[in-house]
């Protein structure tokens, strides 16, 4: 049986603007996790904190417990416990500062579509499907080559010996 947990699918950040996502209903943990992934920077970016500029790297997001509590309609305590759980499990790293919290998603590249950030969803999906077909063809060609090599090995080991007579 095939493992249903393998693979990925794109999720567009525009989802965060949809009324279903922005409703006043509290998030569940799954929604909060997806929200964190979507909030992460997809490229390095400088932000101003007080009188300083800091670079927030790809896969990081600078926020606060208060902002996440408001966003998810949770208590600050619940946000803190959720982030602690994710950190204990090695899913993210949380660095609290006086000005906010820097969240770093562990293995962020596993969650993002490699490609052009300026592509439309359709362009990216078309490119991804083409890449998938190409990968599949390459895998199929390799399988055929392996099958051919295996048949050749069987023919060599099954070849008659002593002038064409079987022993």
N, C-alpha and C. Protein backbone atom coordinates (compact mmCIF):
# COMPACT_ATOMS: atom_id res chain seq x y z
N UNK A 1 0.85 -1.18 0.00
CA UNK A 1 0.00 0.00 0.00
C UNK A 1 0.89 1.24 0.00
N UNK A 2 0.53 2.23 -0.78
CA UNK A 2 1.31 3.46 -0.88
C UNK A 2 1.18 4.29 0.39
N UNK A 3 2.27 4.97 0.74
CA UNK A 3 2.26 5.85 1.90
C UNK A 3 1.60 7.17 1.51
N UNK A 4 0.49 7.50 2.12
CA UNK A 4 -0.26 8.71 1.79
C UNK A 4 0.40 9.97 2.34
N UNK A 5 1.42 9.82 3.19
CA UNK A 5 2.07 10.98 3.80
C UNK A 5 3.22 11.52 2.97
N UNK A 6 3.51 10.91 1.85
CA UNK A 6 4.59 11.39 1.01
C UNK A 6 4.09 12.44 0.05
N UNK A 7 4.96 13.36 -0.31
CA UNK A 7 4.61 14.37 -1.29
C UNK A 7 4.24 15.69 -0.64
N UNK A 8 3.85 16.62 -1.44
CA UNK A 8 3.50 17.95 -0.97
C UNK A 8 2.50 18.56 -1.93
N UNK A 9 1.93 19.68 -1.54
CA UNK A 9 1.07 20.44 -2.43
C UNK A 9 1.24 21.92 -2.13
N UNK A 10 1.12 22.78 -3.14
CA UNK A 10 1.30 24.21 -2.91
C UNK A 10 0.09 24.80 -2.19
N UNK A 11 0.36 25.77 -1.36
CA UNK A 11 -0.68 26.50 -0.66
C UNK A 11 -0.33 27.97 -0.80
N UNK A 12 -1.17 28.73 -1.46
CA UNK A 12 -0.85 30.11 -1.78
C UNK A 12 -1.12 31.04 -0.61
N UNK A 13 -0.22 32.01 -0.42
CA UNK A 13 -0.35 32.97 0.68
C UNK A 13 -1.63 33.80 0.58
N UNK A 14 -2.19 33.91 -0.60
CA UNK A 14 -3.44 34.66 -0.75
C UNK A 14 -4.56 34.02 0.07
N UNK A 15 -4.38 32.77 0.46
CA UNK A 15 -5.34 32.10 1.34
C UNK A 15 -5.52 32.90 2.63
N UNK A 16 -4.44 33.55 3.09
CA UNK A 16 -4.48 34.29 4.35
C UNK A 16 -5.41 35.49 4.29
N UNK A 17 -5.81 35.90 3.09
CA UNK A 17 -6.71 37.04 2.92
C UNK A 17 -8.16 36.60 2.72
N UNK A 18 -8.38 35.31 2.59
CA UNK A 18 -9.73 34.80 2.34
C UNK A 18 -10.59 34.93 3.60
N UNK A 19 -11.88 35.26 3.45
CA UNK A 19 -12.75 35.42 4.62
C UNK A 19 -12.81 34.19 5.54
N UNK A 20 -12.66 33.01 4.99
CA UNK A 20 -12.65 31.82 5.85
C UNK A 20 -11.48 31.88 6.82
N UNK A 21 -10.35 32.36 6.32
CA UNK A 21 -9.13 32.42 7.14
C UNK A 21 -9.17 33.60 8.10
N UNK A 22 -9.79 34.69 7.69
CA UNK A 22 -9.77 35.91 8.49
C UNK A 22 -11.01 36.06 9.37
N UNK A 23 -11.81 35.03 9.48
CA UNK A 23 -13.03 35.13 10.30
C UNK A 23 -12.65 35.29 11.78
N UNK A 24 -13.65 35.57 12.59
CA UNK A 24 -13.42 35.76 14.02
C UNK A 24 -13.39 34.45 14.79
N UNK A 25 -13.47 33.34 14.09
CA UNK A 25 -13.44 32.04 14.77
C UNK A 25 -12.01 31.72 15.20
N UNK A 26 -11.86 31.15 16.40
CA UNK A 26 -10.51 30.77 16.84
C UNK A 26 -9.90 29.69 15.94
N UNK A 27 -8.60 29.78 15.77
CA UNK A 27 -7.87 28.77 15.01
C UNK A 27 -7.78 27.50 15.84
N UNK A 28 -7.68 26.36 15.17
CA UNK A 28 -7.26 25.15 15.86
C UNK A 28 -5.75 25.03 15.66
N UNK A 29 -5.12 24.04 16.25
CA UNK A 29 -3.66 23.91 16.16
C UNK A 29 -3.20 23.68 14.73
N UNK A 30 -3.95 22.92 13.95
CA UNK A 30 -3.57 22.68 12.55
C UNK A 30 -3.56 23.98 11.76
N UNK A 31 -4.60 24.79 11.96
CA UNK A 31 -4.66 26.07 11.25
C UNK A 31 -3.53 26.99 11.68
N UNK A 32 -3.22 27.00 12.97
CA UNK A 32 -2.14 27.85 13.47
C UNK A 32 -0.80 27.40 12.87
N UNK A 33 -0.59 26.10 12.75
CA UNK A 33 0.65 25.59 12.16
C UNK A 33 0.76 26.00 10.69
N UNK A 34 -0.30 25.84 9.93
CA UNK A 34 -0.29 26.26 8.52
C UNK A 34 -0.09 27.77 8.43
N UNK A 35 -0.71 28.51 9.33
CA UNK A 35 -0.56 29.95 9.35
C UNK A 35 0.90 30.34 9.59
N UNK A 36 1.56 29.67 10.52
CA UNK A 36 2.98 29.96 10.77
C UNK A 36 3.82 29.69 9.53
N UNK A 37 3.57 28.58 8.87
CA UNK A 37 4.33 28.26 7.65
C UNK A 37 4.12 29.36 6.62
N UNK A 38 2.88 29.80 6.46
CA UNK A 38 2.57 30.83 5.46
C UNK A 38 3.15 32.19 5.83
N UNK A 39 3.30 32.48 7.12
CA UNK A 39 3.82 33.76 7.56
C UNK A 39 5.34 33.87 7.39
N UNK A 40 6.02 32.76 7.28
CA UNK A 40 7.48 32.79 7.19
C UNK A 40 7.93 33.54 5.95
N UNK A 41 9.04 34.25 6.08
CA UNK A 41 9.61 34.96 4.92
C UNK A 41 10.01 33.94 3.85
N UNK A 42 9.66 34.23 2.61
CA UNK A 42 10.08 33.37 1.51
C UNK A 42 11.37 33.87 0.88
N UNK A 43 11.88 35.01 1.40
CA UNK A 43 13.20 35.53 1.02
C UNK A 43 13.66 36.45 2.15
N UNK A 44 14.97 36.68 2.24
CA UNK A 44 15.49 37.56 3.28
C UNK A 44 14.86 38.94 3.16
N UNK A 45 14.63 39.58 4.30
CA UNK A 45 13.95 40.88 4.31
C UNK A 45 14.43 41.67 5.53
N UNK A 46 14.66 42.96 5.33
CA UNK A 46 15.03 43.83 6.45
C UNK A 46 13.78 44.47 7.02
N UNK A 47 13.73 44.52 8.35
CA UNK A 47 12.63 45.20 9.02
C UNK A 47 13.21 46.16 10.06
N UNK A 48 12.43 47.16 10.42
CA UNK A 48 12.87 48.11 11.43
C UNK A 48 12.27 47.72 12.78
N UNK A 49 13.14 47.63 13.76
CA UNK A 49 12.73 47.36 15.13
C UNK A 49 13.30 48.49 15.98
N UNK A 50 12.44 49.34 16.46
CA UNK A 50 12.93 50.52 17.18
C UNK A 50 13.74 51.38 16.22
N UNK A 51 14.97 51.68 16.60
CA UNK A 51 15.85 52.50 15.77
C UNK A 51 16.88 51.65 15.02
N UNK A 52 16.62 50.37 14.88
CA UNK A 52 17.55 49.46 14.21
C UNK A 52 16.85 48.71 13.09
N UNK A 53 17.64 48.33 12.10
CA UNK A 53 17.17 47.44 11.05
C UNK A 53 17.78 46.07 11.29
N UNK A 54 16.95 45.05 11.18
CA UNK A 54 17.49 43.69 11.29
C UNK A 54 17.02 42.90 10.07
N UNK A 55 17.82 41.93 9.69
CA UNK A 55 17.46 41.08 8.57
C UNK A 55 16.75 39.84 9.09
N UNK A 56 15.57 39.62 8.59
CA UNK A 56 14.81 38.42 8.88
C UNK A 56 15.05 37.49 7.69
N UNK A 57 15.60 36.34 7.95
CA UNK A 57 16.00 35.43 6.87
C UNK A 57 14.83 34.60 6.37
N UNK A 58 15.06 33.97 5.25
CA UNK A 58 14.08 33.04 4.69
C UNK A 58 13.75 31.98 5.75
N UNK A 59 12.48 31.73 5.94
CA UNK A 59 12.05 30.73 6.91
C UNK A 59 11.90 31.29 8.32
N UNK A 60 11.99 32.62 8.45
CA UNK A 60 11.82 33.25 9.76
C UNK A 60 10.65 34.24 9.71
N UNK A 61 10.13 34.54 10.89
CA UNK A 61 9.06 35.53 11.01
C UNK A 61 9.22 36.23 12.35
N UNK A 62 9.20 37.55 12.34
CA UNK A 62 9.30 38.31 13.57
C UNK A 62 7.90 38.77 13.95
N UNK A 63 7.48 38.42 15.16
CA UNK A 63 6.13 38.73 15.61
C UNK A 63 6.15 38.85 17.13
N UNK A 64 5.02 38.70 17.75
CA UNK A 64 4.94 38.67 19.21
C UNK A 64 3.84 37.69 19.60
N UNK A 65 3.92 37.26 20.83
CA UNK A 65 2.89 36.37 21.37
C UNK A 65 1.54 37.09 21.32
N UNK A 66 1.54 38.37 21.63
CA UNK A 66 0.29 39.16 21.62
C UNK A 66 -0.31 39.20 20.22
N UNK A 67 0.54 39.46 19.20
CA UNK A 67 0.02 39.52 17.82
C UNK A 67 -0.56 38.18 17.38
N UNK A 68 0.15 37.09 17.71
CA UNK A 68 -0.36 35.77 17.33
C UNK A 68 -1.66 35.46 18.09
N UNK A 69 -1.75 35.86 19.35
CA UNK A 69 -2.96 35.63 20.13
C UNK A 69 -4.15 36.36 19.49
N UNK A 70 -3.92 37.58 19.04
CA UNK A 70 -4.98 38.33 18.38
C UNK A 70 -5.35 37.69 17.04
N UNK A 71 -4.34 37.28 16.31
CA UNK A 71 -4.56 36.70 14.99
C UNK A 71 -5.34 35.39 15.08
N UNK A 72 -4.97 34.55 16.04
CA UNK A 72 -5.57 33.22 16.14
C UNK A 72 -6.78 33.19 17.09
N UNK A 73 -7.08 34.32 17.75
CA UNK A 73 -8.18 34.40 18.73
C UNK A 73 -7.95 33.41 19.86
N UNK A 74 -6.71 33.41 20.35
CA UNK A 74 -6.29 32.57 21.47
C UNK A 74 -5.84 33.46 22.61
N UNK A 75 -5.66 32.86 23.77
CA UNK A 75 -5.03 33.58 24.88
C UNK A 75 -3.52 33.60 24.65
N UNK A 76 -2.84 34.54 25.26
CA UNK A 76 -1.37 34.61 25.15
C UNK A 76 -0.75 33.33 25.71
N UNK A 77 -1.34 32.81 26.77
CA UNK A 77 -0.83 31.58 27.38
C UNK A 77 -0.92 30.40 26.42
N UNK A 78 -2.02 30.30 25.70
CA UNK A 78 -2.21 29.20 24.75
C UNK A 78 -1.20 29.31 23.60
N UNK A 79 -0.96 30.52 23.10
CA UNK A 79 0.03 30.73 22.04
C UNK A 79 1.40 30.29 22.54
N UNK A 80 1.75 30.74 23.74
CA UNK A 80 3.06 30.41 24.32
C UNK A 80 3.22 28.89 24.43
N UNK A 81 2.22 28.20 24.95
CA UNK A 81 2.28 26.74 25.10
C UNK A 81 2.38 26.05 23.74
N UNK A 82 1.66 26.55 22.74
CA UNK A 82 1.70 25.97 21.39
C UNK A 82 3.10 26.12 20.79
N UNK A 83 3.68 27.32 20.90
CA UNK A 83 5.03 27.53 20.36
C UNK A 83 6.06 26.69 21.11
N UNK A 84 5.88 26.54 22.41
CA UNK A 84 6.77 25.69 23.21
C UNK A 84 6.69 24.23 22.73
N UNK A 85 5.47 23.77 22.45
CA UNK A 85 5.29 22.40 21.97
C UNK A 85 6.02 22.21 20.64
N UNK A 86 5.86 23.17 19.71
CA UNK A 86 6.52 23.08 18.42
C UNK A 86 8.04 23.09 18.57
N UNK A 87 8.51 23.89 19.51
CA UNK A 87 9.95 23.97 19.74
C UNK A 87 10.48 22.66 20.34
N UNK A 88 9.77 22.11 21.31
CA UNK A 88 10.19 20.83 21.91
C UNK A 88 10.26 19.72 20.87
N UNK A 89 9.35 19.78 19.90
CA UNK A 89 9.31 18.74 18.87
C UNK A 89 10.30 19.01 17.74
N UNK A 90 11.04 20.11 17.81
CA UNK A 90 12.04 20.41 16.78
C UNK A 90 11.46 20.98 15.51
N UNK A 91 10.25 21.52 15.58
CA UNK A 91 9.59 22.06 14.39
C UNK A 91 9.94 23.52 14.15
N UNK A 92 10.22 24.25 15.23
CA UNK A 92 10.62 25.64 15.10
C UNK A 92 11.51 26.03 16.26
N UNK A 93 12.21 27.15 16.07
CA UNK A 93 13.04 27.72 17.12
C UNK A 93 12.46 29.09 17.44
N UNK A 94 12.29 29.35 18.73
CA UNK A 94 11.68 30.59 19.20
C UNK A 94 12.73 31.38 19.96
N UNK A 95 13.01 32.61 19.50
CA UNK A 95 13.95 33.49 20.19
C UNK A 95 13.21 34.74 20.64
N UNK A 96 12.94 34.82 21.94
CA UNK A 96 12.23 35.97 22.49
C UNK A 96 13.22 37.12 22.71
N UNK A 97 12.81 38.32 22.34
CA UNK A 97 13.60 39.53 22.58
C UNK A 97 12.71 40.53 23.31
N UNK A 98 13.27 41.65 23.66
CA UNK A 98 12.47 42.70 24.31
C UNK A 98 11.42 43.28 23.37
N UNK A 99 11.70 43.20 22.05
CA UNK A 99 10.82 43.82 21.06
C UNK A 99 9.86 42.86 20.38
N UNK A 100 10.00 41.58 20.65
CA UNK A 100 9.14 40.60 19.99
C UNK A 100 9.80 39.23 19.99
N UNK A 101 9.28 38.36 19.16
CA UNK A 101 9.76 36.99 19.09
C UNK A 101 10.13 36.65 17.66
N UNK A 102 11.33 36.14 17.49
CA UNK A 102 11.77 35.68 16.18
C UNK A 102 11.52 34.18 16.12
N UNK A 103 10.68 33.78 15.17
CA UNK A 103 10.37 32.37 14.97
C UNK A 103 11.13 31.89 13.74
N UNK A 104 11.79 30.76 13.86
CA UNK A 104 12.51 30.17 12.73
C UNK A 104 11.95 28.77 12.52
N UNK A 105 11.41 28.54 11.35
CA UNK A 105 10.84 27.24 11.01
C UNK A 105 11.97 26.30 10.63
N UNK A 106 12.08 25.19 11.31
CA UNK A 106 13.10 24.20 11.01
C UNK A 106 12.74 23.52 9.69
N UNK A 107 13.72 23.35 8.82
CA UNK A 107 13.52 22.71 7.50
C UNK A 107 12.49 23.45 6.66
N UNK A 108 12.55 24.77 6.67
CA UNK A 108 11.58 25.57 5.93
C UNK A 108 11.53 25.20 4.46
N UNK A 109 12.67 24.88 3.85
CA UNK A 109 12.69 24.56 2.43
C UNK A 109 11.81 23.36 2.09
N UNK A 110 11.55 22.49 3.05
CA UNK A 110 10.66 21.35 2.79
C UNK A 110 9.21 21.80 2.61
N UNK A 111 8.88 23.01 3.07
CA UNK A 111 7.50 23.48 3.02
C UNK A 111 7.22 24.42 1.87
N UNK A 112 8.25 24.79 1.13
CA UNK A 112 8.01 25.81 0.12
C UNK A 112 8.27 25.29 -1.27
N UNK A 113 7.54 25.86 -2.20
CA UNK A 113 7.66 25.53 -3.60
C UNK A 113 8.88 26.23 -4.15
N UNK A 114 9.79 25.49 -4.69
CA UNK A 114 10.98 26.10 -5.29
C UNK A 114 10.58 26.64 -6.64
N UNK A 115 10.77 27.91 -6.85
CA UNK A 115 10.39 28.49 -8.13
C UNK A 115 10.41 29.99 -8.05
N UNK A 116 9.78 30.61 -9.02
CA UNK A 116 9.76 32.04 -9.15
C UNK A 116 8.62 32.62 -8.32
N UNK A 117 8.96 33.51 -7.40
CA UNK A 117 7.94 34.10 -6.53
C UNK A 117 6.97 34.97 -7.31
N UNK A 118 7.32 35.37 -8.55
CA UNK A 118 6.44 36.23 -9.34
C UNK A 118 5.49 35.43 -10.23
N UNK A 119 5.59 34.10 -10.19
CA UNK A 119 4.70 33.29 -11.00
C UNK A 119 3.28 33.35 -10.45
N UNK A 120 2.35 33.21 -11.36
CA UNK A 120 0.96 33.06 -10.92
C UNK A 120 0.79 31.62 -10.46
N UNK A 121 -0.25 31.34 -9.68
CA UNK A 121 -0.49 29.96 -9.28
C UNK A 121 -0.57 29.00 -10.46
N UNK A 122 -1.22 29.43 -11.57
CA UNK A 122 -1.35 28.55 -12.73
C UNK A 122 0.00 28.29 -13.39
N UNK A 123 0.84 29.33 -13.52
CA UNK A 123 2.17 29.14 -14.12
C UNK A 123 3.00 28.19 -13.28
N UNK A 124 2.95 28.38 -11.97
CA UNK A 124 3.73 27.54 -11.08
C UNK A 124 3.21 26.10 -11.10
N UNK A 125 1.89 25.94 -11.09
CA UNK A 125 1.31 24.59 -11.12
C UNK A 125 1.68 23.89 -12.43
N UNK A 126 1.61 24.64 -13.57
CA UNK A 126 1.98 24.05 -14.85
C UNK A 126 3.44 23.61 -14.83
N UNK A 127 4.32 24.48 -14.28
CA UNK A 127 5.74 24.16 -14.22
C UNK A 127 5.96 22.94 -13.32
N UNK A 128 5.26 22.91 -12.19
CA UNK A 128 5.41 21.80 -11.26
C UNK A 128 4.94 20.50 -11.89
N UNK A 129 3.81 20.54 -12.61
CA UNK A 129 3.33 19.33 -13.28
C UNK A 129 4.31 18.86 -14.33
N UNK A 130 4.89 19.80 -15.08
CA UNK A 130 5.89 19.44 -16.09
C UNK A 130 7.09 18.80 -15.43
N UNK A 131 7.56 19.38 -14.31
CA UNK A 131 8.70 18.82 -13.60
C UNK A 131 8.37 17.43 -13.09
N UNK A 132 7.14 17.25 -12.58
CA UNK A 132 6.73 15.94 -12.07
C UNK A 132 6.73 14.91 -13.19
N UNK A 133 6.17 15.30 -14.37
CA UNK A 133 6.16 14.37 -15.50
C UNK A 133 7.58 14.03 -15.93
N UNK A 134 8.46 15.03 -15.96
CA UNK A 134 9.85 14.79 -16.35
C UNK A 134 10.51 13.85 -15.36
N UNK A 135 10.30 14.10 -14.06
CA UNK A 135 10.86 13.22 -13.04
C UNK A 135 10.34 11.80 -13.21
N UNK A 136 9.03 11.68 -13.47
CA UNK A 136 8.42 10.37 -13.64
C UNK A 136 9.01 9.65 -14.86
N UNK A 137 9.19 10.40 -15.97
CA UNK A 137 9.79 9.80 -17.17
C UNK A 137 11.21 9.33 -16.89
N UNK A 138 11.97 10.14 -16.18
CA UNK A 138 13.34 9.77 -15.86
C UNK A 138 13.36 8.51 -15.01
N UNK A 139 12.48 8.45 -14.01
CA UNK A 139 12.38 7.25 -13.18
C UNK A 139 11.99 6.04 -14.02
N UNK A 140 11.04 6.22 -14.95
CA UNK A 140 10.58 5.12 -15.79
C UNK A 140 11.72 4.63 -16.69
N UNK A 141 12.46 5.57 -17.29
CA UNK A 141 13.60 5.18 -18.13
C UNK A 141 14.62 4.39 -17.33
N UNK A 142 14.87 4.82 -16.09
CA UNK A 142 15.82 4.10 -15.25
C UNK A 142 15.31 2.71 -14.93
N UNK A 143 14.01 2.58 -14.67
CA UNK A 143 13.43 1.26 -14.41
C UNK A 143 13.58 0.36 -15.62
N UNK A 144 13.31 0.90 -16.83
CA UNK A 144 13.46 0.10 -18.05
C UNK A 144 14.92 -0.34 -18.25
N UNK A 145 15.84 0.57 -17.99
CA UNK A 145 17.26 0.25 -18.11
C UNK A 145 17.63 -0.85 -17.12
N UNK A 146 17.14 -0.74 -15.89
CA UNK A 146 17.42 -1.76 -14.88
C UNK A 146 16.84 -3.11 -15.29
N UNK A 147 15.59 -3.10 -15.83
CA UNK A 147 14.95 -4.33 -16.29
C UNK A 147 15.77 -4.97 -17.40
N UNK A 148 16.23 -4.16 -18.35
CA UNK A 148 17.02 -4.66 -19.48
C UNK A 148 18.32 -5.28 -18.97
N UNK A 149 18.99 -4.61 -18.04
CA UNK A 149 20.23 -5.14 -17.48
C UNK A 149 19.97 -6.45 -16.75
N UNK A 150 18.86 -6.54 -16.03
CA UNK A 150 18.52 -7.75 -15.30
C UNK A 150 18.26 -8.90 -16.27
N UNK A 151 17.53 -8.63 -17.37
CA UNK A 151 17.27 -9.67 -18.37
C UNK A 151 18.57 -10.14 -19.02
N UNK A 152 19.46 -9.19 -19.30
CA UNK A 152 20.75 -9.56 -19.89
C UNK A 152 21.55 -10.44 -18.93
N UNK A 153 21.52 -10.14 -17.64
CA UNK A 153 22.22 -10.96 -16.65
C UNK A 153 21.63 -12.36 -16.60
N UNK A 154 20.29 -12.47 -16.67
CA UNK A 154 19.64 -13.77 -16.66
C UNK A 154 20.02 -14.57 -17.90
N UNK A 155 20.08 -13.90 -19.05
CA UNK A 155 20.46 -14.58 -20.29
C UNK A 155 21.89 -15.09 -20.22
N UNK A 156 22.76 -14.34 -19.62
CA UNK A 156 24.16 -14.76 -19.50
C UNK A 156 24.25 -15.97 -18.60
N UNK A 157 23.56 -15.97 -17.45
CA UNK A 157 23.65 -17.09 -16.52
C UNK A 157 22.90 -18.31 -17.03
N UNK A 158 21.92 -18.12 -17.92
CA UNK A 158 21.13 -19.25 -18.42
C UNK A 158 21.67 -19.74 -19.77
N UNK A 159 22.73 -19.17 -20.26
CA UNK A 159 23.29 -19.59 -21.56
C UNK A 159 23.83 -21.01 -21.47
N UNK A 160 23.62 -21.80 -22.52
CA UNK A 160 24.13 -23.16 -22.51
C UNK A 160 25.67 -23.17 -22.53
N UNK A 161 26.22 -24.24 -21.95
CA UNK A 161 27.68 -24.39 -21.95
C UNK A 161 28.08 -25.65 -22.69
N UNK A 162 29.37 -25.82 -22.99
CA UNK A 162 29.90 -26.98 -23.73
C UNK A 162 29.29 -27.11 -25.11
N UNK A 163 29.51 -26.15 -25.94
CA UNK A 163 29.10 -26.26 -27.33
C UNK A 163 27.61 -26.25 -27.54
N UNK A 164 26.87 -25.61 -26.72
CA UNK A 164 25.45 -25.45 -26.94
C UNK A 164 24.61 -26.50 -26.27
N UNK A 165 25.19 -27.44 -25.55
CA UNK A 165 24.40 -28.47 -24.89
C UNK A 165 24.15 -28.07 -23.44
N UNK A 166 22.96 -28.37 -22.96
CA UNK A 166 22.63 -28.12 -21.56
C UNK A 166 23.17 -29.25 -20.71
N UNK A 167 23.60 -28.95 -19.54
CA UNK A 167 24.06 -30.01 -18.63
C UNK A 167 23.06 -30.25 -17.57
